Protein backbone atom coordinates (compact mmCIF):
# COMPACT_ATOMS: atom_id res chain seq x y z
CA UNK A 1 0.00 0.00 0.00
CA UNK A 2 1.59 3.36 -1.03
CA UNK A 3 0.34 5.29 2.00
CA UNK A 4 1.98 2.81 4.36
CA UNK A 5 5.29 3.37 2.54
CA UNK A 6 4.96 7.11 3.04
CA UNK A 7 4.21 6.77 6.75
CA UNK A 8 7.10 4.42 7.56
CA UNK A 9 10.63 5.57 8.27
CA UNK A 10 13.93 4.19 6.97
CA UNK A 11 13.84 1.24 9.37
CA UNK A 12 10.36 0.20 8.25
CA UNK A 13 8.51 1.16 11.44
CA UNK A 14 5.53 3.50 11.48
CA UNK A 15 6.66 7.10 12.05
CA UNK A 16 4.56 9.08 14.52
CA UNK A 17 5.61 12.42 13.04
CA UNK A 18 4.70 11.39 9.50
CA UNK A 19 1.39 9.90 10.68
CA UNK A 20 0.43 13.08 12.57
CA UNK A 21 1.53 15.21 9.62
CA UNK A 22 -0.55 13.14 7.19
CA UNK A 23 -3.55 13.26 9.52
CA UNK A 24 -3.33 17.03 9.97
CA UNK A 25 -3.03 17.56 6.21
CA UNK A 26 -6.10 15.41 5.59
CA UNK A 27 -7.97 17.26 8.35
CA UNK A 28 -6.98 20.65 6.92
CA UNK A 29 -8.00 19.63 3.40
CA UNK A 30 -11.35 18.38 4.66
CA UNK A 31 -11.83 21.57 6.66
CA UNK A 32 -11.14 23.72 3.58
CA UNK A 33 -13.71 21.80 1.54
CA UNK A 34 -16.29 21.97 4.31
CA UNK A 35 -15.57 25.67 4.89
CA UNK A 36 -16.24 26.47 1.25
CA UNK A 37 -19.42 24.39 1.08
CA UNK A 38 -21.15 23.92 4.44
CA UNK A 39 -19.54 25.53 7.48
CA UNK A 40 -18.33 29.01 8.29
CA UNK A 41 -14.88 28.43 9.83
CA UNK A 42 -13.22 31.45 11.50
CA UNK A 43 -10.16 32.79 9.68
CA UNK A 44 -7.93 32.36 12.72
CA UNK A 45 -8.13 28.57 12.38
CA UNK A 46 -6.03 28.44 9.22
CA UNK A 47 -2.90 30.16 10.62
CA UNK A 48 -3.12 27.96 13.71
CA UNK A 49 -3.35 24.81 11.60
CA UNK A 50 -0.51 26.09 9.42
CA UNK A 51 1.66 26.52 12.50
CA UNK A 52 0.87 23.00 13.66
CA UNK A 53 1.64 21.59 10.22
CA UNK A 54 4.95 23.48 10.02
CA UNK A 55 5.92 22.13 13.44
CA UNK A 56 5.06 18.59 12.38
CA UNK A 57 6.97 19.07 9.12
CA UNK A 58 10.07 20.16 11.02
CA UNK A 59 9.60 17.25 13.43
CA UNK A 60 9.30 14.75 10.58
CA UNK A 61 12.10 16.07 8.39
CA UNK A 62 14.38 17.83 10.86
CA UNK A 63 16.76 15.00 11.79
CA UNK A 64 17.16 13.92 8.17
CA UNK A 65 17.78 17.44 6.96
CA UNK A 66 20.33 17.99 9.71
CA UNK A 67 22.13 14.77 8.80
CA UNK A 68 22.49 15.85 5.18
CA UNK A 69 22.93 19.60 5.54
CA UNK A 70 25.11 19.90 8.63
CA UNK A 71 28.28 18.55 6.94
CA UNK A 72 27.71 20.91 4.01
CA UNK A 73 27.32 23.91 6.30
CA UNK A 74 30.48 22.86 8.16
CA UNK A 75 32.43 22.63 4.89
CA UNK A 76 31.26 26.10 3.85
CA UNK A 77 32.22 27.57 7.24
CA UNK A 78 35.61 25.88 7.03
CA UNK A 79 36.21 27.32 3.56
CA UNK A 80 35.29 30.81 4.74
CA UNK A 81 37.62 30.49 7.74
CA UNK A 82 40.52 29.36 5.55
CA UNK A 83 39.92 32.21 3.12
CA UNK A 84 39.83 34.71 5.99
CA UNK A 85 43.18 33.45 7.31
CA UNK A 86 44.88 34.01 3.95
CA UNK A 87 43.38 37.45 3.44
CA UNK A 88 45.97 39.82 1.97
CA UNK A 89 45.64 43.45 1.05
CA UNK A 90 46.64 44.44 -2.45
CA UNK A 91 49.81 46.43 -2.95
CA UNK A 92 47.97 49.34 -4.57
CA UNK A 93 44.82 50.62 -2.90
CA UNK A 94 42.21 52.78 -4.59
CA UNK A 95 42.40 55.38 -1.86
CA UNK A 96 46.15 55.90 -2.28
CA UNK A 97 47.22 59.45 -3.04
CA UNK A 98 49.22 58.23 -6.05
CA UNK A 99 46.26 56.41 -7.58
CA UNK A 100 44.76 58.03 -10.68
CA UNK A 101 41.49 57.18 -12.39
CA UNK A 102 43.05 55.36 -15.35
CA UNK A 103 45.87 53.55 -13.51
CA UNK A 104 44.24 50.14 -13.85
CA UNK A 105 45.16 49.99 -17.55
C-alpha atoms as a PDB file:
ATOM      1  CA  UNK A   1       0.000   0.000   0.000  1.00  0.00           C
ATOM      2  CA  UNK A   2       1.589   3.358  -1.028  1.00  0.00           C
ATOM      3  CA  UNK A   3       0.340   5.294   2.005  1.00  0.00           C
ATOM      4  CA  UNK A   4       1.976   2.807   4.359  1.00  0.00           C
ATOM      5  CA  UNK A   5       5.293   3.367   2.545  1.00  0.00           C
ATOM      6  CA  UNK A   6       4.960   7.114   3.037  1.00  0.00           C
ATOM      7  CA  UNK A   7       4.206   6.773   6.747  1.00  0.00           C
ATOM      8  CA  UNK A   8       7.102   4.422   7.560  1.00  0.00           C
ATOM      9  CA  UNK A   9      10.629   5.568   8.270  1.00  0.00           C
ATOM     10  CA  UNK A  10      13.932   4.193   6.972  1.00  0.00           C
ATOM     11  CA  UNK A  11      13.839   1.239   9.366  1.00  0.00           C
ATOM     12  CA  UNK A  12      10.358   0.201   8.255  1.00  0.00           C
ATOM     13  CA  UNK A  13       8.515   1.160  11.436  1.00  0.00           C
ATOM     14  CA  UNK A  14       5.534   3.496  11.479  1.00  0.00           C
ATOM     15  CA  UNK A  15       6.658   7.099  12.048  1.00  0.00           C
ATOM     16  CA  UNK A  16       4.564   9.081  14.520  1.00  0.00           C
ATOM     17  CA  UNK A  17       5.607  12.421  13.037  1.00  0.00           C
ATOM     18  CA  UNK A  18       4.697  11.385   9.500  1.00  0.00           C
ATOM     19  CA  UNK A  19       1.386   9.900  10.679  1.00  0.00           C
ATOM     20  CA  UNK A  20       0.426  13.080  12.571  1.00  0.00           C
ATOM     21  CA  UNK A  21       1.532  15.210   9.618  1.00  0.00           C
ATOM     22  CA  UNK A  22      -0.550  13.145   7.190  1.00  0.00           C
ATOM     23  CA  UNK A  23      -3.546  13.259   9.519  1.00  0.00           C
ATOM     24  CA  UNK A  24      -3.332  17.030   9.975  1.00  0.00           C
ATOM     25  CA  UNK A  25      -3.025  17.563   6.211  1.00  0.00           C
ATOM     26  CA  UNK A  26      -6.104  15.410   5.589  1.00  0.00           C
ATOM     27  CA  UNK A  27      -7.972  17.257   8.346  1.00  0.00           C
ATOM     28  CA  UNK A  28      -6.982  20.651   6.919  1.00  0.00           C
ATOM     29  CA  UNK A  29      -8.000  19.628   3.402  1.00  0.00           C
ATOM     30  CA  UNK A  30     -11.346  18.379   4.658  1.00  0.00           C
ATOM     31  CA  UNK A  31     -11.833  21.567   6.660  1.00  0.00           C
ATOM     32  CA  UNK A  32     -11.145  23.718   3.585  1.00  0.00           C
ATOM     33  CA  UNK A  33     -13.706  21.800   1.539  1.00  0.00           C
ATOM     34  CA  UNK A  34     -16.295  21.967   4.310  1.00  0.00           C
ATOM     35  CA  UNK A  35     -15.566  25.672   4.888  1.00  0.00           C
ATOM     36  CA  UNK A  36     -16.237  26.467   1.251  1.00  0.00           C
ATOM     37  CA  UNK A  37     -19.422  24.390   1.075  1.00  0.00           C
ATOM     38  CA  UNK A  38     -21.153  23.917   4.438  1.00  0.00           C
ATOM     39  CA  UNK A  39     -19.540  25.534   7.478  1.00  0.00           C
ATOM     40  CA  UNK A  40     -18.330  29.013   8.290  1.00  0.00           C
ATOM     41  CA  UNK A  41     -14.878  28.434   9.826  1.00  0.00           C
ATOM     42  CA  UNK A  42     -13.218  31.453  11.496  1.00  0.00           C
ATOM     43  CA  UNK A  43     -10.158  32.794   9.683  1.00  0.00           C
ATOM     44  CA  UNK A  44      -7.929  32.356  12.725  1.00  0.00           C
ATOM     45  CA  UNK A  45      -8.131  28.573  12.383  1.00  0.00           C
ATOM     46  CA  UNK A  46      -6.035  28.444   9.218  1.00  0.00           C
ATOM     47  CA  UNK A  47      -2.901  30.162  10.620  1.00  0.00           C
ATOM     48  CA  UNK A  48      -3.125  27.960  13.707  1.00  0.00           C
ATOM     49  CA  UNK A  49      -3.355  24.806  11.604  1.00  0.00           C
ATOM     50  CA  UNK A  50      -0.511  26.092   9.425  1.00  0.00           C
ATOM     51  CA  UNK A  51       1.659  26.515  12.504  1.00  0.00           C
ATOM     52  CA  UNK A  52       0.872  23.000  13.663  1.00  0.00           C
ATOM     53  CA  UNK A  53       1.643  21.592  10.223  1.00  0.00           C
ATOM     54  CA  UNK A  54       4.950  23.483  10.021  1.00  0.00           C
ATOM     55  CA  UNK A  55       5.924  22.134  13.437  1.00  0.00           C
ATOM     56  CA  UNK A  56       5.063  18.590  12.376  1.00  0.00           C
ATOM     57  CA  UNK A  57       6.973  19.069   9.123  1.00  0.00           C
ATOM     58  CA  UNK A  58      10.074  20.162  11.024  1.00  0.00           C
ATOM     59  CA  UNK A  59       9.598  17.250  13.432  1.00  0.00           C
ATOM     60  CA  UNK A  60       9.302  14.752  10.576  1.00  0.00           C
ATOM     61  CA  UNK A  61      12.097  16.069   8.391  1.00  0.00           C
ATOM     62  CA  UNK A  62      14.378  17.833  10.863  1.00  0.00           C
ATOM     63  CA  UNK A  63      16.759  15.004  11.788  1.00  0.00           C
ATOM     64  CA  UNK A  64      17.158  13.917   8.171  1.00  0.00           C
ATOM     65  CA  UNK A  65      17.781  17.443   6.961  1.00  0.00           C
ATOM     66  CA  UNK A  66      20.332  17.990   9.705  1.00  0.00           C
ATOM     67  CA  UNK A  67      22.129  14.765   8.803  1.00  0.00           C
ATOM     68  CA  UNK A  68      22.487  15.848   5.183  1.00  0.00           C
ATOM     69  CA  UNK A  69      22.931  19.599   5.537  1.00  0.00           C
ATOM     70  CA  UNK A  70      25.112  19.899   8.629  1.00  0.00           C
ATOM     71  CA  UNK A  71      28.279  18.547   6.944  1.00  0.00           C
ATOM     72  CA  UNK A  72      27.712  20.908   4.008  1.00  0.00           C
ATOM     73  CA  UNK A  73      27.324  23.910   6.299  1.00  0.00           C
ATOM     74  CA  UNK A  74      30.480  22.858   8.160  1.00  0.00           C
ATOM     75  CA  UNK A  75      32.432  22.629   4.895  1.00  0.00           C
ATOM     76  CA  UNK A  76      31.262  26.096   3.853  1.00  0.00           C
ATOM     77  CA  UNK A  77      32.219  27.569   7.235  1.00  0.00           C
ATOM     78  CA  UNK A  78      35.615  25.881   7.030  1.00  0.00           C
ATOM     79  CA  UNK A  79      36.214  27.315   3.556  1.00  0.00           C
ATOM     80  CA  UNK A  80      35.290  30.812   4.737  1.00  0.00           C
ATOM     81  CA  UNK A  81      37.624  30.494   7.738  1.00  0.00           C
ATOM     82  CA  UNK A  82      40.516  29.358   5.546  1.00  0.00           C
ATOM     83  CA  UNK A  83      39.922  32.214   3.117  1.00  0.00           C
ATOM     84  CA  UNK A  84      39.828  34.714   5.986  1.00  0.00           C
ATOM     85  CA  UNK A  85      43.181  33.455   7.308  1.00  0.00           C
ATOM     86  CA  UNK A  86      44.875  34.008   3.946  1.00  0.00           C
ATOM     87  CA  UNK A  87      43.376  37.453   3.441  1.00  0.00           C
ATOM     88  CA  UNK A  88      45.971  39.821   1.967  1.00  0.00           C
ATOM     89  CA  UNK A  89      45.638  43.447   1.055  1.00  0.00           C
ATOM     90  CA  UNK A  90      46.643  44.437  -2.453  1.00  0.00           C
ATOM     91  CA  UNK A  91      49.807  46.434  -2.946  1.00  0.00           C
ATOM     92  CA  UNK A  92      47.969  49.337  -4.570  1.00  0.00           C
ATOM     93  CA  UNK A  93      44.819  50.620  -2.901  1.00  0.00           C
ATOM     94  CA  UNK A  94      42.207  52.779  -4.588  1.00  0.00           C
ATOM     95  CA  UNK A  95      42.405  55.385  -1.861  1.00  0.00           C
ATOM     96  CA  UNK A  96      46.147  55.903  -2.280  1.00  0.00           C
ATOM     97  CA  UNK A  97      47.220  59.448  -3.044  1.00  0.00           C
ATOM     98  CA  UNK A  98      49.215  58.235  -6.053  1.00  0.00           C
ATOM     99  CA  UNK A  99      46.257  56.411  -7.582  1.00  0.00           C
ATOM    100  CA  UNK A 100      44.762  58.030 -10.680  1.00  0.00           C
ATOM    101  CA  UNK A 101      41.485  57.183 -12.389  1.00  0.00           C
ATOM    102  CA  UNK A 102      43.046  55.360 -15.351  1.00  0.00           C
ATOM    103  CA  UNK A 103      45.866  53.552 -13.508  1.00  0.00           C
ATOM    104  CA  UNK A 104      44.240  50.136 -13.852  1.00  0.00           C
ATOM    105  CA  UNK A 105      45.159  49.988 -17.554  1.00  0.00           C
END
